[in-house]
Amino acid sequence: MATIINPDELEYKKDTSALESFDLLTLLPRLSMTVNSKHLVFDIRKLDSGKYSFPYHFHHNAEELIMIVSGSMTIRTPKGFEIANKGQLVFFEIGESGTHQFYNHNKIPCVYLDIKTTVGIDICEYPDSGKINISPFNETFEKESQVHYNKGEENIQLIWNKLNK
């Protein structure tokens, strides 16, 4: 069944846990949740003047596409900075080459449609701060704490011996 969403009937809200510099507003209720989407996460977002979207990041298991609905923004990527204007589409591929962050350099808000694929779990990596986030669980860890797969497994025989007593 087709679902028609009228954005004018919804309200933009701020993530109350975000830092002041990351003052991104999202239409609520979340659009993809409203329609019970299985493989797409999509929202309409508003980025006010002088504000950043999210921390600089890339996805290990999700592609992302944005369309500028109104205004414009500066996009930071591994290639540098580019300006995206009303009507333009910007695609971010999986992996480091798709790293991105948005900044509104204008005096007027930038409104954009954000569409992301979701197939199970995604790992979002933040190069500036050395963090990783596991989605959809929203669990964040410092990447430098990464350990070898076999760490702590060296004494498996002792563990089994203790369990079999």
N, C-alpha and C. Protein backbone atom coordinates (compact mmCIF):
# COMPACT_ATOMS: atom_id res chain seq x y z
N MET A 1 0.84 -1.18 0.00
CA MET A 1 0.00 0.00 0.00
C MET A 1 0.89 1.24 0.00
N ALA A 2 0.57 2.19 -0.80
CA ALA A 2 1.31 3.46 -0.85
C ALA A 2 0.95 4.32 0.35
N THR A 3 1.94 5.00 0.88
CA THR A 3 1.72 5.91 2.00
C THR A 3 2.19 7.29 1.58
N ILE A 4 1.31 8.26 1.66
CA ILE A 4 1.66 9.63 1.34
C ILE A 4 1.96 10.36 2.65
N ILE A 5 3.13 10.98 2.68
CA ILE A 5 3.56 11.72 3.86
C ILE A 5 3.52 13.20 3.53
N ASN A 6 2.86 13.98 4.34
CA ASN A 6 2.83 15.43 4.15
C ASN A 6 3.74 16.07 5.20
N PRO A 7 4.95 16.46 4.81
CA PRO A 7 5.90 17.04 5.77
C PRO A 7 5.37 18.27 6.50
N ASP A 8 4.44 19.02 5.86
CA ASP A 8 3.90 20.22 6.49
C ASP A 8 3.06 19.90 7.73
N GLU A 9 2.65 18.66 7.87
CA GLU A 9 1.85 18.25 9.03
C GLU A 9 2.71 17.73 10.18
N LEU A 10 4.04 17.72 9.98
CA LEU A 10 4.95 17.20 10.99
C LEU A 10 5.79 18.33 11.57
N GLU A 11 6.47 18.05 12.67
CA GLU A 11 7.24 19.07 13.36
C GLU A 11 8.72 18.69 13.41
N TYR A 12 9.60 19.67 13.20
CA TYR A 12 11.04 19.45 13.34
C TYR A 12 11.39 19.48 14.82
N LYS A 13 12.22 18.52 15.23
CA LYS A 13 12.67 18.49 16.62
C LYS A 13 14.17 18.23 16.66
N LYS A 14 14.79 18.71 17.73
CA LYS A 14 16.22 18.56 17.94
C LYS A 14 16.50 17.32 18.76
N ASP A 15 17.63 16.67 18.48
CA ASP A 15 18.12 15.58 19.32
C ASP A 15 18.64 16.23 20.60
N THR A 16 17.98 15.99 21.70
CA THR A 16 18.32 16.67 22.95
C THR A 16 19.70 16.26 23.49
N SER A 17 20.25 15.15 23.00
CA SER A 17 21.57 14.72 23.48
C SER A 17 22.71 15.30 22.63
N ALA A 18 22.39 15.99 21.55
CA ALA A 18 23.42 16.52 20.65
C ALA A 18 24.12 17.74 21.25
N LEU A 19 25.38 17.92 20.87
CA LEU A 19 26.12 19.12 21.25
C LEU A 19 25.52 20.32 20.53
N GLU A 20 25.72 21.51 21.06
CA GLU A 20 25.15 22.72 20.48
C GLU A 20 25.57 22.94 19.02
N SER A 21 26.83 22.60 18.68
CA SER A 21 27.32 22.77 17.31
C SER A 21 26.61 21.85 16.32
N PHE A 22 26.10 20.71 16.82
CA PHE A 22 25.41 19.73 15.97
C PHE A 22 23.90 19.88 16.18
N ASP A 23 23.40 21.02 15.81
CA ASP A 23 22.00 21.35 16.05
C ASP A 23 21.14 20.98 14.84
N LEU A 24 21.10 19.69 14.51
CA LEU A 24 20.34 19.20 13.37
C LEU A 24 18.92 18.90 13.82
N LEU A 25 17.96 19.37 13.04
CA LEU A 25 16.55 19.13 13.35
C LEU A 25 16.01 18.07 12.40
N THR A 26 15.16 17.18 12.92
CA THR A 26 14.58 16.10 12.13
C THR A 26 13.07 16.12 12.28
N LEU A 27 12.35 15.86 11.18
CA LEU A 27 10.90 15.76 11.26
C LEU A 27 10.54 14.57 12.14
N LEU A 28 9.62 14.79 13.05
CA LEU A 28 9.15 13.70 13.91
C LEU A 28 7.66 13.56 13.78
N PRO A 29 7.12 12.38 13.77
CA PRO A 29 7.85 11.12 13.95
C PRO A 29 8.77 10.83 12.76
N ARG A 30 9.82 10.02 13.02
CA ARG A 30 10.79 9.66 11.98
C ARG A 30 10.03 9.04 10.80
N LEU A 31 10.31 9.52 9.61
CA LEU A 31 9.52 9.13 8.44
C LEU A 31 9.58 7.64 8.14
N SER A 32 10.78 7.05 8.15
CA SER A 32 10.87 5.62 7.83
C SER A 32 10.17 4.76 8.87
N MET A 33 10.14 5.23 10.11
CA MET A 33 9.42 4.49 11.15
C MET A 33 7.91 4.64 10.98
N THR A 34 7.49 5.80 10.50
CA THR A 34 6.08 6.06 10.28
C THR A 34 5.48 5.07 9.29
N VAL A 35 6.25 4.72 8.25
CA VAL A 35 5.75 3.81 7.22
C VAL A 35 6.22 2.37 7.44
N ASN A 36 6.98 2.14 8.52
CA ASN A 36 7.46 0.79 8.84
C ASN A 36 8.39 0.25 7.77
N SER A 37 9.30 1.08 7.28
CA SER A 37 10.24 0.69 6.23
C SER A 37 11.17 -0.41 6.71
N LYS A 38 11.43 -1.38 5.86
CA LYS A 38 12.30 -2.51 6.21
C LYS A 38 13.76 -2.31 5.81
N HIS A 39 14.02 -1.63 4.69
CA HIS A 39 15.39 -1.53 4.18
C HIS A 39 15.87 -0.12 3.89
N LEU A 40 15.05 0.88 4.18
CA LEU A 40 15.45 2.27 4.00
C LEU A 40 15.22 3.04 5.30
N VAL A 41 16.18 3.89 5.63
CA VAL A 41 15.99 4.85 6.71
C VAL A 41 15.95 6.20 6.01
N PHE A 42 14.86 6.93 6.18
CA PHE A 42 14.79 8.23 5.50
C PHE A 42 14.10 9.25 6.39
N ASP A 43 14.61 10.45 6.30
CA ASP A 43 14.10 11.56 7.09
C ASP A 43 14.26 12.85 6.30
N ILE A 44 13.48 13.85 6.67
CA ILE A 44 13.71 15.20 6.18
C ILE A 44 14.31 15.95 7.35
N ARG A 45 15.43 16.62 7.07
CA ARG A 45 16.18 17.28 8.13
C ARG A 45 16.39 18.75 7.80
N LYS A 46 16.55 19.54 8.85
CA LYS A 46 16.81 20.96 8.68
C LYS A 46 18.08 21.31 9.45
N LEU A 47 19.00 21.94 8.73
CA LEU A 47 20.27 22.36 9.30
C LEU A 47 20.29 23.88 9.34
N ASP A 48 20.25 24.44 10.54
CA ASP A 48 20.21 25.89 10.69
C ASP A 48 21.57 26.52 10.39
N SER A 49 21.55 27.81 10.20
CA SER A 49 22.75 28.58 9.87
C SER A 49 23.84 28.37 10.92
N GLY A 50 25.08 28.13 10.45
CA GLY A 50 26.22 27.99 11.34
C GLY A 50 26.29 26.69 12.11
N LYS A 51 25.48 25.70 11.73
CA LYS A 51 25.44 24.42 12.45
C LYS A 51 25.97 23.28 11.59
N TYR A 52 26.43 22.24 12.26
CA TYR A 52 26.93 21.01 11.62
C TYR A 52 25.86 19.93 11.74
N SER A 53 25.93 18.94 10.85
CA SER A 53 24.97 17.84 10.88
C SER A 53 25.36 16.85 11.97
N PHE A 54 26.13 15.88 11.62
CA PHE A 54 26.64 14.86 12.52
C PHE A 54 28.16 14.95 12.52
N PRO A 55 28.83 14.28 13.46
CA PRO A 55 30.29 14.21 13.35
C PRO A 55 30.70 13.56 12.01
N TYR A 56 31.86 13.91 11.51
CA TYR A 56 32.43 13.37 10.27
C TYR A 56 32.46 11.85 10.39
N HIS A 57 31.82 11.15 9.42
CA HIS A 57 31.65 9.69 9.56
C HIS A 57 31.48 9.00 8.22
N PHE A 58 31.63 7.66 8.25
CA PHE A 58 31.29 6.82 7.11
C PHE A 58 30.65 5.54 7.62
N HIS A 59 29.98 4.85 6.70
CA HIS A 59 29.25 3.62 7.04
C HIS A 59 29.96 2.41 6.44
N HIS A 60 30.02 1.34 7.21
CA HIS A 60 30.59 0.08 6.73
C HIS A 60 29.56 -0.77 5.98
N ASN A 61 28.26 -0.52 6.21
CA ASN A 61 27.24 -1.38 5.61
C ASN A 61 25.99 -0.60 5.21
N ALA A 62 26.15 0.65 4.80
CA ALA A 62 24.99 1.45 4.38
C ALA A 62 25.42 2.49 3.36
N GLU A 63 24.62 2.62 2.32
CA GLU A 63 24.79 3.70 1.36
C GLU A 63 23.85 4.82 1.77
N GLU A 64 24.21 6.05 1.41
CA GLU A 64 23.38 7.19 1.80
C GLU A 64 23.24 8.14 0.62
N LEU A 65 22.05 8.70 0.49
CA LEU A 65 21.73 9.65 -0.57
C LEU A 65 20.99 10.81 0.06
N ILE A 66 21.44 12.02 -0.26
CA ILE A 66 20.70 13.19 0.21
C ILE A 66 20.27 14.02 -1.00
N MET A 67 19.15 14.74 -0.83
CA MET A 67 18.69 15.69 -1.83
C MET A 67 18.42 17.00 -1.10
N ILE A 68 19.01 18.07 -1.60
CA ILE A 68 18.81 19.38 -1.01
C ILE A 68 17.44 19.89 -1.46
N VAL A 69 16.54 20.08 -0.51
CA VAL A 69 15.18 20.56 -0.79
C VAL A 69 15.15 22.08 -0.85
N SER A 70 15.86 22.73 0.06
CA SER A 70 15.96 24.19 0.04
C SER A 70 17.26 24.62 0.69
N GLY A 71 17.76 25.78 0.28
CA GLY A 71 19.02 26.28 0.80
C GLY A 71 20.22 25.59 0.17
N SER A 72 21.33 25.61 0.88
CA SER A 72 22.54 24.94 0.43
C SER A 72 23.39 24.62 1.65
N MET A 73 24.41 23.79 1.45
CA MET A 73 25.30 23.41 2.55
C MET A 73 26.69 23.13 2.01
N THR A 74 27.66 23.20 2.90
CA THR A 74 29.02 22.78 2.57
C THR A 74 29.16 21.35 3.03
N ILE A 75 29.68 20.49 2.15
CA ILE A 75 29.87 19.08 2.47
C ILE A 75 31.36 18.81 2.57
N ARG A 76 31.75 18.22 3.68
CA ARG A 76 33.14 17.80 3.88
C ARG A 76 33.25 16.33 3.51
N THR A 77 34.19 16.00 2.63
CA THR A 77 34.46 14.62 2.22
C THR A 77 35.97 14.41 2.24
N PRO A 78 36.45 13.20 1.98
CA PRO A 78 37.90 12.99 1.90
C PRO A 78 38.57 13.84 0.82
N LYS A 79 37.81 14.29 -0.18
CA LYS A 79 38.36 15.12 -1.25
C LYS A 79 38.44 16.59 -0.87
N GLY A 80 37.81 16.98 0.25
CA GLY A 80 37.80 18.38 0.65
C GLY A 80 36.39 18.88 0.89
N PHE A 81 36.14 20.13 0.53
CA PHE A 81 34.86 20.77 0.77
C PHE A 81 34.18 21.10 -0.56
N GLU A 82 32.87 20.84 -0.62
CA GLU A 82 32.08 21.16 -1.80
C GLU A 82 30.76 21.73 -1.34
N ILE A 83 30.16 22.57 -2.18
CA ILE A 83 28.86 23.14 -1.86
C ILE A 83 27.78 22.40 -2.65
N ALA A 84 26.72 22.01 -1.95
CA ALA A 84 25.55 21.38 -2.59
C ALA A 84 24.39 22.36 -2.46
N ASN A 85 23.68 22.55 -3.56
CA ASN A 85 22.59 23.52 -3.63
C ASN A 85 21.24 22.85 -3.83
N LYS A 86 20.18 23.64 -3.66
CA LYS A 86 18.81 23.18 -3.83
C LYS A 86 18.67 22.38 -5.13
N GLY A 87 18.03 21.21 -5.00
CA GLY A 87 17.77 20.35 -6.15
C GLY A 87 18.86 19.33 -6.43
N GLN A 88 20.04 19.49 -5.84
CA GLN A 88 21.13 18.55 -6.11
C GLN A 88 21.02 17.31 -5.24
N LEU A 89 21.48 16.20 -5.80
CA LEU A 89 21.57 14.92 -5.10
C LEU A 89 23.04 14.63 -4.81
N VAL A 90 23.31 14.07 -3.64
CA VAL A 90 24.67 13.69 -3.28
C VAL A 90 24.63 12.27 -2.75
N PHE A 91 25.45 11.39 -3.34
CA PHE A 91 25.50 9.98 -2.96
C PHE A 91 26.79 9.71 -2.19
N PHE A 92 26.67 8.95 -1.10
CA PHE A 92 27.82 8.54 -0.30
C PHE A 92 27.89 7.02 -0.29
N GLU A 93 28.98 6.48 -0.86
CA GLU A 93 29.14 5.03 -0.95
C GLU A 93 29.61 4.46 0.39
N ILE A 94 29.54 3.16 0.49
CA ILE A 94 30.02 2.43 1.67
C ILE A 94 31.53 2.58 1.76
N GLY A 95 32.03 2.75 2.97
CA GLY A 95 33.47 2.78 3.20
C GLY A 95 34.04 4.18 3.34
N GLU A 96 35.36 4.24 3.56
CA GLU A 96 36.05 5.50 3.84
C GLU A 96 35.86 6.55 2.75
N SER A 97 35.75 6.13 1.50
CA SER A 97 35.58 7.11 0.42
C SER A 97 34.23 7.82 0.52
N GLY A 98 33.30 7.28 1.30
CA GLY A 98 31.99 7.90 1.50
C GLY A 98 31.89 8.73 2.78
N THR A 99 33.03 9.04 3.41
CA THR A 99 33.02 9.82 4.65
C THR A 99 32.45 11.21 4.37
N HIS A 100 31.61 11.70 5.30
CA HIS A 100 30.97 12.98 5.06
C HIS A 100 30.52 13.67 6.36
N GLN A 101 30.31 14.97 6.20
CA GLN A 101 29.76 15.83 7.26
C GLN A 101 29.22 17.07 6.58
N PHE A 102 28.15 17.64 7.11
CA PHE A 102 27.52 18.81 6.52
C PHE A 102 27.65 20.02 7.44
N TYR A 103 27.72 21.20 6.82
CA TYR A 103 27.74 22.47 7.55
C TYR A 103 26.92 23.49 6.78
N ASN A 104 26.05 24.20 7.47
CA ASN A 104 25.27 25.23 6.80
C ASN A 104 26.02 26.56 6.89
N HIS A 105 26.57 26.98 5.76
CA HIS A 105 27.35 28.21 5.66
C HIS A 105 26.47 29.43 5.35
N ASN A 106 25.17 29.23 5.17
CA ASN A 106 24.24 30.31 4.79
C ASN A 106 23.54 30.90 6.00
N LYS A 107 22.81 31.97 5.75
CA LYS A 107 22.00 32.58 6.80
C LYS A 107 20.61 31.96 6.89
N ILE A 108 20.23 31.18 5.87
CA ILE A 108 18.91 30.53 5.89
C ILE A 108 19.09 29.03 6.14
N PRO A 109 18.08 28.37 6.71
CA PRO A 109 18.18 26.93 6.96
C PRO A 109 18.33 26.14 5.66
N CYS A 110 19.02 25.02 5.75
CA CYS A 110 19.12 24.07 4.63
C CYS A 110 18.26 22.87 5.00
N VAL A 111 17.30 22.56 4.14
CA VAL A 111 16.42 21.41 4.34
C VAL A 111 16.83 20.35 3.34
N TYR A 112 16.98 19.09 3.82
CA TYR A 112 17.37 18.02 2.91
C TYR A 112 16.69 16.70 3.28
N LEU A 113 16.48 15.90 2.25
CA LEU A 113 15.96 14.55 2.40
C LEU A 113 17.16 13.63 2.51
N ASP A 114 17.18 12.81 3.54
CA ASP A 114 18.30 11.90 3.82
C ASP A 114 17.77 10.47 3.72
N ILE A 115 18.34 9.69 2.79
CA ILE A 115 17.92 8.30 2.58
C ILE A 115 19.13 7.40 2.76
N LYS A 116 18.99 6.37 3.60
CA LYS A 116 20.10 5.45 3.87
C LYS A 116 19.57 4.02 3.79
N THR A 117 20.36 3.13 3.18
CA THR A 117 19.98 1.72 3.15
C THR A 117 20.26 1.11 4.52
N THR A 118 19.52 0.07 4.82
CA THR A 118 19.78 -0.67 6.05
C THR A 118 19.51 -2.14 5.80
N VAL A 119 20.54 -2.93 5.96
CA VAL A 119 20.42 -4.37 5.80
C VAL A 119 21.11 -4.98 7.02
N GLY A 120 20.37 -5.09 8.09
CA GLY A 120 20.94 -5.63 9.32
C GLY A 120 21.71 -4.59 10.08
N ILE A 121 22.93 -4.92 10.43
CA ILE A 121 23.75 -4.07 11.28
C ILE A 121 24.71 -3.23 10.44
N ASP A 122 24.87 -1.98 10.84
CA ASP A 122 25.83 -1.08 10.21
C ASP A 122 26.82 -0.63 11.27
N ILE A 123 28.07 -0.49 10.87
CA ILE A 123 29.09 0.09 11.72
C ILE A 123 29.39 1.47 11.14
N CYS A 124 29.22 2.49 11.95
CA CYS A 124 29.51 3.86 11.54
C CYS A 124 30.82 4.27 12.22
N GLU A 125 31.77 4.74 11.42
CA GLU A 125 33.09 5.07 11.96
C GLU A 125 33.31 6.58 11.88
N TYR A 126 33.90 7.14 12.94
CA TYR A 126 34.12 8.58 13.08
C TYR A 126 35.63 8.87 13.11
N PRO A 127 36.24 9.18 11.97
CA PRO A 127 37.69 9.37 11.90
C PRO A 127 38.24 10.49 12.79
N ASP A 128 37.50 11.58 12.97
CA ASP A 128 38.00 12.70 13.77
C ASP A 128 38.16 12.35 15.24
N SER A 129 37.25 11.51 15.75
CA SER A 129 37.24 11.22 17.18
C SER A 129 37.63 9.79 17.51
N GLY A 130 37.89 8.96 16.48
CA GLY A 130 38.33 7.59 16.72
C GLY A 130 37.28 6.70 17.34
N LYS A 131 36.01 6.95 17.02
CA LYS A 131 34.92 6.14 17.57
C LYS A 131 34.30 5.27 16.49
N ILE A 132 33.58 4.25 16.93
CA ILE A 132 32.70 3.47 16.06
C ILE A 132 31.35 3.37 16.76
N ASN A 133 30.29 3.31 15.97
CA ASN A 133 28.94 3.16 16.49
C ASN A 133 28.29 1.98 15.80
N ILE A 134 27.67 1.12 16.57
CA ILE A 134 26.98 -0.05 16.01
C ILE A 134 25.49 0.27 15.94
N SER A 135 24.99 0.29 14.72
CA SER A 135 23.58 0.59 14.46
C SER A 135 22.84 -0.70 14.12
N PRO A 136 21.65 -0.89 14.52
CA PRO A 136 20.71 0.08 15.09
C PRO A 136 20.76 0.16 16.62
N PHE A 137 21.73 -0.44 17.25
CA PHE A 137 21.77 -0.49 18.72
C PHE A 137 22.27 0.80 19.35
N ASN A 138 22.89 1.67 18.54
CA ASN A 138 23.43 2.94 19.00
C ASN A 138 24.42 2.76 20.16
N GLU A 139 25.31 1.77 20.00
CA GLU A 139 26.37 1.52 20.97
C GLU A 139 27.67 2.07 20.39
N THR A 140 28.33 2.97 21.13
CA THR A 140 29.52 3.66 20.63
C THR A 140 30.74 3.25 21.44
N PHE A 141 31.85 2.98 20.73
CA PHE A 141 33.10 2.54 21.35
C PHE A 141 34.26 3.32 20.74
N GLU A 142 35.36 3.39 21.49
CA GLU A 142 36.57 3.97 20.94
C GLU A 142 37.30 2.92 20.13
N LYS A 143 37.67 3.26 18.91
CA LYS A 143 38.28 2.29 18.00
C LYS A 143 39.64 1.82 18.51
N GLU A 144 40.37 2.67 19.22
CA GLU A 144 41.70 2.29 19.68
C GLU A 144 41.67 1.13 20.67
N SER A 145 40.50 0.81 21.21
CA SER A 145 40.41 -0.32 22.13
C SER A 145 40.24 -1.65 21.39
N GLN A 146 40.33 -1.62 20.07
CA GLN A 146 40.20 -2.82 19.27
C GLN A 146 41.28 -3.84 19.68
N VAL A 147 40.89 -5.09 19.80
CA VAL A 147 41.83 -6.14 20.20
C VAL A 147 41.82 -7.26 19.17
N HIS A 148 42.81 -8.13 19.24
CA HIS A 148 42.89 -9.29 18.37
C HIS A 148 41.77 -10.27 18.71
N TYR A 149 41.26 -10.95 17.73
CA TYR A 149 40.15 -11.89 17.90
C TYR A 149 40.43 -12.92 19.01
N ASN A 150 41.67 -13.39 19.14
CA ASN A 150 42.00 -14.45 20.10
C ASN A 150 42.41 -13.93 21.48
N LYS A 151 42.38 -12.61 21.69
CA LYS A 151 42.76 -12.07 22.99
C LYS A 151 41.85 -12.66 24.08
N GLY A 152 42.45 -13.16 25.15
CA GLY A 152 41.70 -13.71 26.27
C GLY A 152 41.27 -15.15 26.09
N GLU A 153 41.59 -15.74 24.96
CA GLU A 153 41.19 -17.13 24.67
C GLU A 153 42.34 -18.11 24.85
N GLU A 154 43.49 -17.63 25.28
CA GLU A 154 44.70 -18.45 25.35
C GLU A 154 44.57 -19.65 26.30
N ASN A 155 43.76 -19.51 27.32
CA ASN A 155 43.67 -20.54 28.36
C ASN A 155 42.35 -21.31 28.31
N ILE A 156 41.89 -21.65 27.14
CA ILE A 156 40.60 -22.32 27.00
C ILE A 156 40.55 -23.65 27.75
N GLN A 157 41.66 -24.37 27.78
CA GLN A 157 41.67 -25.66 28.49
C GLN A 157 41.43 -25.47 29.98
N LEU A 158 42.02 -24.42 30.57
CA LEU A 158 41.79 -24.14 31.99
C LEU A 158 40.32 -23.81 32.25
N ILE A 159 39.73 -23.04 31.34
CA ILE A 159 38.31 -22.70 31.49
C ILE A 159 37.47 -23.96 31.46
N TRP A 160 37.72 -24.84 30.51
CA TRP A 160 36.96 -26.08 30.41
C TRP A 160 37.18 -26.95 31.65
N ASN A 161 38.41 -27.01 32.12
CA ASN A 161 38.69 -27.82 33.32
C ASN A 161 37.91 -27.31 34.52
N LYS A 162 37.82 -25.99 34.69
CA LYS A 162 37.07 -25.42 35.81
C LYS A 162 35.57 -25.72 35.69
N LEU A 163 35.07 -25.68 34.46
CA LEU A 163 33.65 -25.93 34.25
C LEU A 163 33.27 -27.39 34.44
N ASN A 164 34.20 -28.30 34.21
CA ASN A 164 33.92 -29.73 34.30
C ASN A 164 34.15 -30.30 35.69
N LYS A 165 34.44 -29.50 36.67
CA LYS A 165 34.67 -30.02 38.03
C LYS A 165 33.41 -30.16 38.79
